């Protein structure tokens, strides 16, 4: 389902893939049944391609990877968290346009 540059994050590899990353990481918390989440997919894929090499961009399915979703108190989806140096530096809840996602990332790249 994800684009070629969009990562698929898991509970098991979250620490390695996200928290210990040497570049900022944008995580889209989503679920298959969530309409606004599905609407965000082309935006997330486009951003993943545009920022390839500078930012990791990926999705975490809250139904399949609930441990990480609970850890970050994800109560509404879609939720975007931007991690830098293992810490959340930006958070947005709800569907948004590509320019809003870019603004979120650009402040930390």
PDB file of N, CA and C in Angstrom:
ATOM      1  N   UNK A   1       0.816  -1.204   0.000  1.00  0.00           N
ATOM      2  CA  UNK A   1       0.000   0.000   0.000  1.00  0.00           C
ATOM      3  C   UNK A   1       0.857   1.264   0.000  1.00  0.00           C
ATOM      4  N   UNK A   2       1.962   1.237   0.711  1.00  0.00           N
ATOM      5  CA  UNK A   2       2.817   2.421   0.808  1.00  0.00           C
ATOM      6  C   UNK A   2       3.640   2.604  -0.464  1.00  0.00           C
ATOM      7  N   UNK A   3       4.033   3.860  -0.706  1.00  0.00           N
ATOM      8  CA  UNK A   3       4.868   4.175  -1.854  1.00  0.00           C
ATOM      9  C   UNK A   3       6.266   3.610  -1.692  1.00  0.00           C
ATOM     10  N   UNK A   4       7.045   3.689  -2.746  1.00  0.00           N
ATOM     11  CA  UNK A   4       8.375   3.070  -2.768  1.00  0.00           C
ATOM     12  C   UNK A   4       9.306   3.664  -1.701  1.00  0.00           C
ATOM     13  N   UNK A   5       9.160   4.951  -1.372  1.00  0.00           N
ATOM     14  CA  UNK A   5      10.018   5.578  -0.375  1.00  0.00           C
ATOM     15  C   UNK A   5       9.380   5.653   1.008  1.00  0.00           C
ATOM     16  N   UNK A   6       8.155   5.190   1.130  1.00  0.00           N
ATOM     17  CA  UNK A   6       7.437   5.237   2.403  1.00  0.00           C
ATOM     18  C   UNK A   6       7.721   3.970   3.193  1.00  0.00           C
ATOM     19  N   UNK A   7       8.257   4.136   4.392  1.00  0.00           N
ATOM     20  CA  UNK A   7       8.600   3.000   5.249  1.00  0.00           C
ATOM     21  C   UNK A   7       7.347   2.461   5.938  1.00  0.00           C
ATOM     22  N   UNK A   8       7.433   1.225   6.379  1.00  0.00           N
ATOM     23  CA  UNK A   8       6.377   0.589   7.154  1.00  0.00           C
ATOM     24  C   UNK A   8       6.965   0.306   8.532  1.00  0.00           C
ATOM     25  N   UNK A   9       6.628   1.144   9.519  1.00  0.00           N
ATOM     26  CA  UNK A   9       7.209   1.021  10.845  1.00  0.00           C
ATOM     27  C   UNK A   9       6.460  -0.018  11.677  1.00  0.00           C
ATOM     28  N   UNK A  10       7.210  -0.714  12.550  1.00  0.00           N
ATOM     29  CA  UNK A  10       6.642  -1.749  13.419  1.00  0.00           C
ATOM     30  C   UNK A  10       7.054  -1.492  14.865  1.00  0.00           C
ATOM     31  N   UNK A  11       6.295  -2.088  15.787  1.00  0.00           N
ATOM     32  CA  UNK A  11       6.658  -2.004  17.201  1.00  0.00           C
ATOM     33  C   UNK A  11       8.067  -2.548  17.423  1.00  0.00           C
ATOM     34  N   UNK A  12       8.355  -3.687  16.811  1.00  0.00           N
ATOM     35  CA  UNK A  12       9.616  -4.387  17.040  1.00  0.00           C
ATOM     36  C   UNK A  12      10.834  -3.577  16.614  1.00  0.00           C
ATOM     37  N   UNK A  13      10.712  -2.828  15.534  1.00  0.00           N
ATOM     38  CA  UNK A  13      11.867  -2.094  14.996  1.00  0.00           C
ATOM     39  C   UNK A  13      11.774  -0.584  15.225  1.00  0.00           C
ATOM     40  N   UNK A  14      10.790  -0.126  16.004  1.00  0.00           N
ATOM     41  CA  UNK A  14      10.563   1.312  16.155  1.00  0.00           C
ATOM     42  C   UNK A  14      11.780   2.023  16.746  1.00  0.00           C
ATOM     43  N   UNK A  15      12.382   1.440  17.750  1.00  0.00           N
ATOM     44  CA  UNK A  15      13.536   2.086  18.380  1.00  0.00           C
ATOM     45  C   UNK A  15      14.676   2.257  17.373  1.00  0.00           C
ATOM     46  N   UNK A  16      14.971   1.220  16.624  1.00  0.00           N
ATOM     47  CA  UNK A  16      16.052   1.274  15.639  1.00  0.00           C
ATOM     48  C   UNK A  16      15.710   2.194  14.471  1.00  0.00           C
ATOM     49  N   UNK A  17      14.524   2.019  13.901  1.00  0.00           N
ATOM     50  CA  UNK A  17      14.143   2.751  12.688  1.00  0.00           C
ATOM     51  C   UNK A  17      13.812   4.215  12.935  1.00  0.00           C
ATOM     52  N   UNK A  18      13.267   4.519  14.115  1.00  0.00           N
ATOM     53  CA  UNK A  18      12.794   5.881  14.377  1.00  0.00           C
ATOM     54  C   UNK A  18      13.630   6.579  15.448  1.00  0.00           C
ATOM     55  N   UNK A  19      13.669   6.017  16.631  1.00  0.00           N
ATOM     56  CA  UNK A  19      14.295   6.704  17.761  1.00  0.00           C
ATOM     57  C   UNK A  19      15.808   6.854  17.616  1.00  0.00           C
ATOM     58  N   UNK A  20      16.467   5.898  16.966  1.00  0.00           N
ATOM     59  CA  UNK A  20      17.920   5.964  16.790  1.00  0.00           C
ATOM     60  C   UNK A  20      18.329   6.448  15.400  1.00  0.00           C
ATOM     61  N   UNK A  21      17.376   6.969  14.646  1.00  0.00           N
ATOM     62  CA  UNK A  21      17.671   7.445  13.292  1.00  0.00           C
ATOM     63  C   UNK A  21      18.582   8.670  13.346  1.00  0.00           C
ATOM     64  N   UNK A  22      19.480   8.757  12.378  1.00  0.00           N
ATOM     65  CA  UNK A  22      20.367   9.926  12.304  1.00  0.00           C
ATOM     66  C   UNK A  22      19.750  11.061  11.488  1.00  0.00           C
ATOM     67  N   UNK A  23      18.556  10.859  10.972  1.00  0.00           N
ATOM     68  CA  UNK A  23      17.811  11.912  10.274  1.00  0.00           C
ATOM     69  C   UNK A  23      16.429  12.008  10.916  1.00  0.00           C
ATOM     70  N   UNK A  24      15.753  13.151  10.759  1.00  0.00           N
ATOM     71  CA  UNK A  24      14.386  13.251  11.290  1.00  0.00           C
ATOM     72  C   UNK A  24      13.485  12.172  10.686  1.00  0.00           C
ATOM     73  N   UNK A  25      12.452  11.771  11.445  1.00  0.00           N
ATOM     74  CA  UNK A  25      11.539  10.716  11.003  1.00  0.00           C
ATOM     75  C   UNK A  25      10.101  11.192  11.192  1.00  0.00           C
ATOM     76  N   UNK A  26       9.325  11.147  10.104  1.00  0.00           N
ATOM     77  CA  UNK A  26       7.908  11.470  10.160  1.00  0.00           C
ATOM     78  C   UNK A  26       7.127  10.160  10.191  1.00  0.00           C
ATOM     79  N   UNK A  27       6.318   9.982  11.245  1.00  0.00           N
ATOM     80  CA  UNK A  27       5.520   8.765  11.399  1.00  0.00           C
ATOM     81  C   UNK A  27       4.046   9.129  11.286  1.00  0.00           C
ATOM     82  N   UNK A  28       3.374   8.468  10.357  1.00  0.00           N
ATOM     83  CA  UNK A  28       1.937   8.629  10.164  1.00  0.00           C
ATOM     84  C   UNK A  28       1.247   7.460  10.857  1.00  0.00           C
ATOM     85  N   UNK A  29       0.567   7.736  11.977  1.00  0.00           N
ATOM     86  CA  UNK A  29      -0.203   6.720  12.681  1.00  0.00           C
ATOM     87  C   UNK A  29      -1.563   6.626  11.997  1.00  0.00           C
ATOM     88  N   UNK A  30      -1.933   5.436  11.533  1.00  0.00           N
ATOM     89  CA  UNK A  30      -3.115   5.277  10.692  1.00  0.00           C
ATOM     90  C   UNK A  30      -3.743   3.907  10.916  1.00  0.00           C
ATOM     91  N   UNK A  31      -4.891   3.676  10.266  1.00  0.00           N
ATOM     92  CA  UNK A  31      -5.540   2.364  10.223  1.00  0.00           C
ATOM     93  C   UNK A  31      -6.255   2.230   8.880  1.00  0.00           C
ATOM     94  N   UNK A  32      -6.383   1.002   8.429  1.00  0.00           N
ATOM     95  CA  UNK A  32      -6.996   0.721   7.130  1.00  0.00           C
ATOM     96  C   UNK A  32      -8.435   1.231   7.043  1.00  0.00           C
ATOM     97  N   UNK A  33      -9.184   1.153   8.122  1.00  0.00           N
ATOM     98  CA  UNK A  33     -10.603   1.525   8.136  1.00  0.00           C
ATOM     99  C   UNK A  33     -10.831   3.029   8.211  1.00  0.00           C
ATOM    100  N   UNK A  34      -9.790   3.801   8.411  1.00  0.00           N
ATOM    101  CA  UNK A  34      -9.885   5.256   8.623  1.00  0.00           C
ATOM    102  C   UNK A  34      -9.851   5.999   7.284  1.00  0.00           C
ATOM    103  N   UNK A  35     -10.983   6.589   6.900  1.00  0.00           N
ATOM    104  CA  UNK A  35     -11.070   7.322   5.630  1.00  0.00           C
ATOM    105  C   UNK A  35     -10.068   8.460   5.507  1.00  0.00           C
ATOM    106  N   UNK A  36      -9.984   9.375   6.497  1.00  0.00           N
ATOM    107  CA  UNK A  36      -9.005  10.454   6.406  1.00  0.00           C
ATOM    108  C   UNK A  36      -7.564   9.934   6.333  1.00  0.00           C
ATOM    109  N   UNK A  37      -7.308   8.797   6.977  1.00  0.00           N
ATOM    110  CA  UNK A  37      -5.964   8.202   6.903  1.00  0.00           C
ATOM    111  C   UNK A  37      -5.646   7.787   5.470  1.00  0.00           C
ATOM    112  N   UNK A  38      -6.616   7.155   4.826  1.00  0.00           N
ATOM    113  CA  UNK A  38      -6.412   6.725   3.430  1.00  0.00           C
ATOM    114  C   UNK A  38      -6.236   7.934   2.519  1.00  0.00           C
ATOM    115  N   UNK A  39      -6.943   9.022   2.811  1.00  0.00           N
ATOM    116  CA  UNK A  39      -6.792  10.255   2.016  1.00  0.00           C
ATOM    117  C   UNK A  39      -5.386  10.826   2.148  1.00  0.00           C
ATOM    118  N   UNK A  40      -4.739  10.596   3.276  1.00  0.00           N
ATOM    119  CA  UNK A  40      -3.386  11.117   3.514  1.00  0.00           C
ATOM    120  C   UNK A  40      -2.307  10.321   2.782  1.00  0.00           C
ATOM    121  N   UNK A  41      -2.617   9.101   2.360  1.00  0.00           N
ATOM    122  CA  UNK A  41      -1.602   8.225   1.768  1.00  0.00           C
ATOM    123  C   UNK A  41      -0.860   8.862   0.594  1.00  0.00           C
ATOM    124  N   UNK A  42      -1.538   9.460  -0.400  1.00  0.00           N
ATOM    125  CA  UNK A  42      -0.778  10.080  -1.501  1.00  0.00           C
ATOM    126  C   UNK A  42       0.127  11.227  -1.018  1.00  0.00           C
ATOM    127  N   UNK A  43      -0.322  11.972  -0.029  1.00  0.00           N
ATOM    128  CA  UNK A  43       0.492  13.065   0.514  1.00  0.00           C
ATOM    129  C   UNK A  43       1.732  12.507   1.198  1.00  0.00           C
ATOM    130  N   UNK A  44       1.556  11.488   2.026  1.00  0.00           N
ATOM    131  CA  UNK A  44       2.688  10.875   2.732  1.00  0.00           C
ATOM    132  C   UNK A  44       3.674  10.292   1.724  1.00  0.00           C
ATOM    133  N   UNK A  45       3.171   9.608   0.694  1.00  0.00           N
ATOM    134  CA  UNK A  45       4.044   9.028  -0.330  1.00  0.00           C
ATOM    135  C   UNK A  45       4.813  10.118  -1.081  1.00  0.00           C
ATOM    136  N   UNK A  46       4.151  11.227  -1.407  1.00  0.00           N
ATOM    137  CA  UNK A  46       4.809  12.326  -2.125  1.00  0.00           C
ATOM    138  C   UNK A  46       5.900  12.956  -1.268  1.00  0.00           C
ATOM    139  N   UNK A  47       5.608  13.166   0.008  1.00  0.00           N
ATOM    140  CA  UNK A  47       6.591  13.748   0.923  1.00  0.00           C
ATOM    141  C   UNK A  47       7.768  12.791   1.107  1.00  0.00           C
ATOM    142  N   UNK A  48       7.491  11.492   1.200  1.00  0.00           N
ATOM    143  CA  UNK A  48       8.559  10.498   1.338  1.00  0.00           C
ATOM    144  C   UNK A  48       9.512  10.551   0.153  1.00  0.00           C
ATOM    145  N   UNK A  49       8.974  10.716  -1.045  1.00  0.00           N
ATOM    146  CA  UNK A  49       9.805  10.805  -2.249  1.00  0.00           C
ATOM    147  C   UNK A  49      10.581  12.108  -2.278  1.00  0.00           C
ATOM    148  N   UNK A  50       9.906  13.208  -1.961  1.00  0.00           N
ATOM    149  CA  UNK A  50      10.534  14.526  -2.010  1.00  0.00           C
ATOM    150  C   UNK A  50      11.676  14.679  -1.003  1.00  0.00           C
ATOM    151  N   UNK A  51      11.526  14.096   0.170  1.00  0.00           N
ATOM    152  CA  UNK A  51      12.525  14.251   1.235  1.00  0.00           C
ATOM    153  C   UNK A  51      13.437  13.037   1.366  1.00  0.00           C
ATOM    154  N   UNK A  52      13.392  12.124   0.408  1.00  0.00           N
ATOM    155  CA  UNK A  52      14.206  10.914   0.452  1.00  0.00           C
ATOM    156  C   UNK A  52      15.681  11.262   0.660  1.00  0.00           C
ATOM    157  N   UNK A  53      16.289  10.608   1.649  1.00  0.00           N
ATOM    158  CA  UNK A  53      17.692  10.859   1.958  1.00  0.00           C
ATOM    159  C   UNK A  53      17.889  11.903   3.050  1.00  0.00           C
ATOM    160  N   UNK A  54      16.875  12.759   3.263  1.00  0.00           N
ATOM    161  CA  UNK A  54      16.980  13.806   4.300  1.00  0.00           C
ATOM    162  C   UNK A  54      16.074  13.526   5.485  1.00  0.00           C
ATOM    163  N   UNK A  55      14.962  12.844   5.230  1.00  0.00           N
ATOM    164  CA  UNK A  55      13.976  12.523   6.263  1.00  0.00           C
ATOM    165  C   UNK A  55      13.423  11.129   5.964  1.00  0.00           C
ATOM    166  N   UNK A  56      13.292  10.304   7.003  1.00  0.00           N
ATOM    167  CA  UNK A  56      12.579   9.037   6.837  1.00  0.00           C
ATOM    168  C   UNK A  56      11.099   9.336   7.011  1.00  0.00           C
ATOM    169  N   UNK A  57      10.292   8.792   6.136  1.00  0.00           N
ATOM    170  CA  UNK A  57       8.847   8.990   6.206  1.00  0.00           C
ATOM    171  C   UNK A  57       8.192   7.616   6.145  1.00  0.00           C
ATOM    172  N   UNK A  58       7.271   7.374   7.079  1.00  0.00           N
ATOM    173  CA  UNK A  58       6.621   6.082   7.072  1.00  0.00           C
ATOM    174  C   UNK A  58       5.315   6.070   7.829  1.00  0.00           C
ATOM    175  N   UNK A  59       4.685   4.907   7.786  1.00  0.00           N
ATOM    176  CA  UNK A  59       3.371   4.717   8.384  1.00  0.00           C
ATOM    177  C   UNK A  59       3.457   3.626   9.447  1.00  0.00           C
ATOM    178  N   UNK A  60       2.627   3.782  10.487  1.00  0.00           N
ATOM    179  CA  UNK A  60       2.512   2.770  11.517  1.00  0.00           C
ATOM    180  C   UNK A  60       1.032   2.464  11.707  1.00  0.00           C
ATOM    181  N   UNK A  61       0.641   1.237  11.420  1.00  0.00           N
ATOM    182  CA  UNK A  61      -0.755   0.817  11.525  1.00  0.00           C
ATOM    183  C   UNK A  61      -1.085   0.589  13.000  1.00  0.00           C
ATOM    184  N   UNK A  62      -1.991   1.405  13.554  1.00  0.00           N
ATOM    185  CA  UNK A  62      -2.298   1.338  14.984  1.00  0.00           C
ATOM    186  C   UNK A  62      -3.018   0.046  15.362  1.00  0.00           C
ATOM    187  N   UNK A  63      -3.706  -0.582  14.426  1.00  0.00           N
ATOM    188  CA  UNK A  63      -4.374  -1.849  14.713  1.00  0.00           C
ATOM    189  C   UNK A  63      -3.381  -3.002  14.810  1.00  0.00           C
ATOM    190  N   UNK A  64      -2.332  -2.944  14.008  1.00  0.00           N
ATOM    191  CA  UNK A  64      -1.339  -4.019  13.980  1.00  0.00           C
ATOM    192  C   UNK A  64      -0.157  -3.748  14.902  1.00  0.00           C
ATOM    193  N   UNK A  65       0.116  -2.492  15.194  1.00  0.00           N
ATOM    194  CA  UNK A  65       1.281  -2.094  15.995  1.00  0.00           C
ATOM    195  C   UNK A  65       0.828  -1.235  17.180  1.00  0.00           C
ATOM    196  N   UNK A  66      -0.061  -1.786  17.975  1.00  0.00           N
ATOM    197  CA  UNK A  66      -0.697  -1.034  19.050  1.00  0.00           C
ATOM    198  C   UNK A  66       0.214  -0.605  20.181  1.00  0.00           C
ATOM    199  N   UNK A  67       1.297  -1.321  20.403  1.00  0.00           N
ATOM    200  CA  UNK A  67       2.205  -0.992  21.506  1.00  0.00           C
ATOM    201  C   UNK A  67       2.803   0.404  21.328  1.00  0.00           C
ATOM    202  N   UNK A  68       3.256   0.716  20.147  1.00  0.00           N
ATOM    203  CA  UNK A  68       3.848   2.031  19.889  1.00  0.00           C
ATOM    204  C   UNK A  68       2.779   3.113  19.926  1.00  0.00           C
ATOM    205  N   UNK A  69       1.617   2.833  19.388  1.00  0.00           N
ATOM    206  CA  UNK A  69       0.522   3.804  19.427  1.00  0.00           C
ATOM    207  C   UNK A  69       0.154   4.138  20.870  1.00  0.00           C
ATOM    208  N   UNK A  70       0.107   3.134  21.734  1.00  0.00           N
ATOM    209  CA  UNK A  70      -0.196   3.382  23.147  1.00  0.00           C
ATOM    210  C   UNK A  70       0.928   4.167  23.818  1.00  0.00           C
ATOM    211  N   UNK A  71       2.158   3.847  23.476  1.00  0.00           N
ATOM    212  CA  UNK A  71       3.320   4.520  24.071  1.00  0.00           C
ATOM    213  C   UNK A  71       3.270   6.030  23.834  1.00  0.00           C
ATOM    214  N   UNK A  72       2.787   6.421  22.645  1.00  0.00           N
ATOM    215  CA  UNK A  72       2.729   7.845  22.299  1.00  0.00           C
ATOM    216  C   UNK A  72       1.319   8.419  22.449  1.00  0.00           C
ATOM    217  N   UNK A  73       0.455   7.670  23.152  1.00  0.00           N
ATOM    218  CA  UNK A  73      -0.881   8.146  23.509  1.00  0.00           C
ATOM    219  C   UNK A  73      -1.679   8.610  22.286  1.00  0.00           C
ATOM    220  N   UNK A  74      -1.618   7.814  21.226  1.00  0.00           N
ATOM    221  CA  UNK A  74      -2.352   8.137  20.001  1.00  0.00           C
ATOM    222  C   UNK A  74      -3.823   7.803  20.227  1.00  0.00           C
ATOM    223  N   UNK A  75      -4.669   8.836  20.237  1.00  0.00           N
ATOM    224  CA  UNK A  75      -6.092   8.644  20.491  1.00  0.00           C
ATOM    225  C   UNK A  75      -6.944   8.957  19.269  1.00  0.00           C
ATOM    226  N   UNK A  76      -6.400   9.707  18.338  1.00  0.00           N
ATOM    227  CA  UNK A  76      -7.101  10.043  17.093  1.00  0.00           C
ATOM    228  C   UNK A  76      -6.154   9.773  15.934  1.00  0.00           C
ATOM    229  N   UNK A  77      -6.733   9.315  14.832  1.00  0.00           N
ATOM    230  CA  UNK A  77      -5.922   9.111  13.633  1.00  0.00           C
ATOM    231  C   UNK A  77      -6.613   9.783  12.459  1.00  0.00           C
ATOM    232  N   UNK A  78      -5.858  10.252  11.489  1.00  0.00           N
ATOM    233  CA  UNK A  78      -4.402  10.185  11.427  1.00  0.00           C
ATOM    234  C   UNK A  78      -3.737  11.154  12.409  1.00  0.00           C
ATOM    235  N   UNK A  79      -2.625  10.702  12.952  1.00  0.00           N
ATOM    236  CA  UNK A  79      -1.748  11.550  13.760  1.00  0.00           C
ATOM    237  C   UNK A  79      -0.363  11.462  13.150  1.00  0.00           C
ATOM    238  N   UNK A  80       0.257  12.606  12.946  1.00  0.00           N
ATOM    239  CA  UNK A  80       1.633  12.666  12.451  1.00  0.00           C
ATOM    240  C   UNK A  80       2.537  13.101  13.592  1.00  0.00           C
ATOM    241  N   UNK A  81       3.583  12.328  13.844  1.00  0.00           N
ATOM    242  CA  UNK A  81       4.609  12.710  14.806  1.00  0.00           C
ATOM    243  C   UNK A  81       5.925  12.831  14.061  1.00  0.00           C
ATOM    244  N   UNK A  82       6.650  13.918  14.316  1.00  0.00           N
ATOM    245  CA  UNK A  82       7.975  14.108  13.739  1.00  0.00           C
ATOM    246  C   UNK A  82       8.996  13.928  14.855  1.00  0.00           C
ATOM    247  N   UNK A  83       9.877  12.960  14.656  1.00  0.00           N
ATOM    248  CA  UNK A  83      10.920  12.653  15.630  1.00  0.00           C
ATOM    249  C   UNK A  83      12.251  13.201  15.147  1.00  0.00           C
ATOM    250  N   UNK A  84      13.015  13.737  16.084  1.00  0.00           N
ATOM    251  CA  UNK A  84      14.382  14.182  15.786  1.00  0.00           C
ATOM    252  C   UNK A  84      15.205  13.889  17.031  1.00  0.00           C
ATOM    253  N   UNK A  85      16.290  13.155  16.846  1.00  0.00           N
ATOM    254  CA  UNK A  85      17.114  12.782  17.995  1.00  0.00           C
ATOM    255  C   UNK A  85      16.362  11.936  19.008  1.00  0.00           C
ATOM    256  N   UNK A  86      15.423  11.136  18.542  1.00  0.00           N
ATOM    257  CA  UNK A  86      14.683  10.246  19.415  1.00  0.00           C
ATOM    258  C   UNK A  86      13.530  10.897  20.161  1.00  0.00           C
ATOM    259  N   UNK A  87      13.294  12.180  19.930  1.00  0.00           N
ATOM    260  CA  UNK A  87      12.238  12.919  20.627  1.00  0.00           C
ATOM    261  C   UNK A  87      11.194  13.431  19.643  1.00  0.00           C
ATOM    262  N   UNK A  88       9.940  13.527  20.107  1.00  0.00           N
ATOM    263  CA  UNK A  88       8.884  14.123  19.302  1.00  0.00           C
ATOM    264  C   UNK A  88       9.095  15.632  19.291  1.00  0.00           C
ATOM    265  N   UNK A  89       9.256  16.211  18.094  1.00  0.00           N
ATOM    266  CA  UNK A  89       9.466  17.659  17.979  1.00  0.00           C
ATOM    267  C   UNK A  89       8.273  18.369  17.346  1.00  0.00           C
ATOM    268  N   UNK A  90       7.385  17.609  16.699  1.00  0.00           N
ATOM    269  CA  UNK A  90       6.159  18.164  16.102  1.00  0.00           C
ATOM    270  C   UNK A  90       5.077  17.102  16.162  1.00  0.00           C
ATOM    271  N   UNK A  91       3.842  17.544  16.329  1.00  0.00           N
ATOM    272  CA  UNK A  91       2.696  16.632  16.309  1.00  0.00           C
ATOM    273  C   UNK A  91       1.526  17.327  15.655  1.00  0.00           C
ATOM    274  N   UNK A  92       0.841  16.608  14.766  1.00  0.00           N
ATOM    275  CA  UNK A  92      -0.366  17.111  14.114  1.00  0.00           C
ATOM    276  C   UNK A  92      -1.406  16.002  14.116  1.00  0.00           C
ATOM    277  N   UNK A  93      -2.648  16.377  14.359  1.00  0.00           N
ATOM    278  CA  UNK A  93      -3.743  15.415  14.374  1.00  0.00           C
ATOM    279  C   UNK A  93      -4.735  15.794  13.285  1.00  0.00           C
ATOM    280  N   UNK A  94      -5.146  14.796  12.517  1.00  0.00           N
ATOM    281  CA  UNK A  94      -6.112  15.020  11.453  1.00  0.00           C
ATOM    282  C   UNK A  94      -5.456  15.108  10.094  1.00  0.00           C
ATOM    283  N   UNK A  95      -6.283  14.947   9.068  1.00  0.00           N
ATOM    284  CA  UNK A  95      -5.791  15.024   7.694  1.00  0.00           C
ATOM    285  C   UNK A  95      -5.359  16.448   7.379  1.00  0.00           C
ATOM    286  N   UNK A  96      -4.329  16.577   6.558  1.00  0.00           N
ATOM    287  CA  UNK A  96      -3.831  17.895   6.168  1.00  0.00           C
ATOM    288  C   UNK A  96      -3.223  17.808   4.779  1.00  0.00           C
ATOM    289  N   UNK A  97      -3.032  18.957   4.180  1.00  0.00           N
ATOM    290  CA  UNK A  97      -2.457  19.017   2.841  1.00  0.00           C
ATOM    291  C   UNK A  97      -0.948  18.872   2.849  1.00  0.00           C
ATOM    292  N   UNK A  98      -0.413  18.653   1.665  1.00  0.00           N
ATOM    293  CA  UNK A  98       1.031  18.458   1.504  1.00  0.00           C
ATOM    294  C   UNK A  98       1.821  19.659   2.007  1.00  0.00           C
ATOM    295  N   UNK A  99       1.350  20.875   1.732  1.00  0.00           N
ATOM    296  CA  UNK A  99       2.105  22.064   2.163  1.00  0.00           C
ATOM    297  C   UNK A  99       2.203  22.144   3.683  1.00  0.00           C
ATOM    298  N   UNK A 100       1.165  21.712   4.400  1.00  0.00           N
ATOM    299  CA  UNK A 100       1.216  21.709   5.862  1.00  0.00           C
ATOM    300  C   UNK A 100       2.211  20.670   6.385  1.00  0.00           C
ATOM    301  N   UNK A 101       2.265  19.516   5.738  1.00  0.00           N
ATOM    302  CA  UNK A 101       3.217  18.490   6.131  1.00  0.00           C
ATOM    303  C   UNK A 101       4.650  18.980   5.861  1.00  0.00           C
ATOM    304  N   UNK A 102       4.842  19.636   4.714  1.00  0.00           N
ATOM    305  CA  UNK A 102       6.161  20.169   4.381  1.00  0.00           C
ATOM    306  C   UNK A 102       6.607  21.221   5.395  1.00  0.00           C
ATOM    307  N   UNK A 103       5.709  22.107   5.801  1.00  0.00           N
ATOM    308  CA  UNK A 103       6.047  23.127   6.808  1.00  0.00           C
ATOM    309  C   UNK A 103       6.475  22.465   8.114  1.00  0.00           C
ATOM    310  N   UNK A 104       5.778  21.421   8.486  1.00  0.00           N
ATOM    311  CA  UNK A 104       6.089  20.673   9.697  1.00  0.00           C
ATOM    312  C   UNK A 104       7.514  20.123   9.650  1.00  0.00           C
ATOM    313  N   UNK A 105       7.889  19.579   8.499  1.00  0.00           N
ATOM    314  CA  UNK A 105       9.217  18.967   8.324  1.00  0.00           C
ATOM    315  C   UNK A 105      10.293  20.036   8.153  1.00  0.00           C
ATOM    316  N   UNK A 106      10.018  21.040   7.335  1.00  0.00           N
ATOM    317  CA  UNK A 106      11.034  22.037   6.974  1.00  0.00           C
ATOM    318  C   UNK A 106      11.615  22.752   8.183  1.00  0.00           C
ATOM    319  N   UNK A 107      10.852  22.882   9.247  1.00  0.00           N
ATOM    320  CA  UNK A 107      11.352  23.547  10.455  1.00  0.00           C
ATOM    321  C   UNK A 107      12.441  22.733  11.145  1.00  0.00           C
ATOM    322  N   UNK A 108      12.614  21.467  10.747  1.00  0.00           N
ATOM    323  CA  UNK A 108      13.548  20.584  11.455  1.00  0.00           C
ATOM    324  C   UNK A 108      14.573  19.917  10.556  1.00  0.00           C
ATOM    325  N   UNK A 109      14.632  20.310   9.303  1.00  0.00           N
ATOM    326  CA  UNK A 109      15.587  19.688   8.374  1.00  0.00           C
ATOM    327  C   UNK A 109      16.785  20.601   8.195  1.00  0.00           C
TER     328      UNK A 109
END
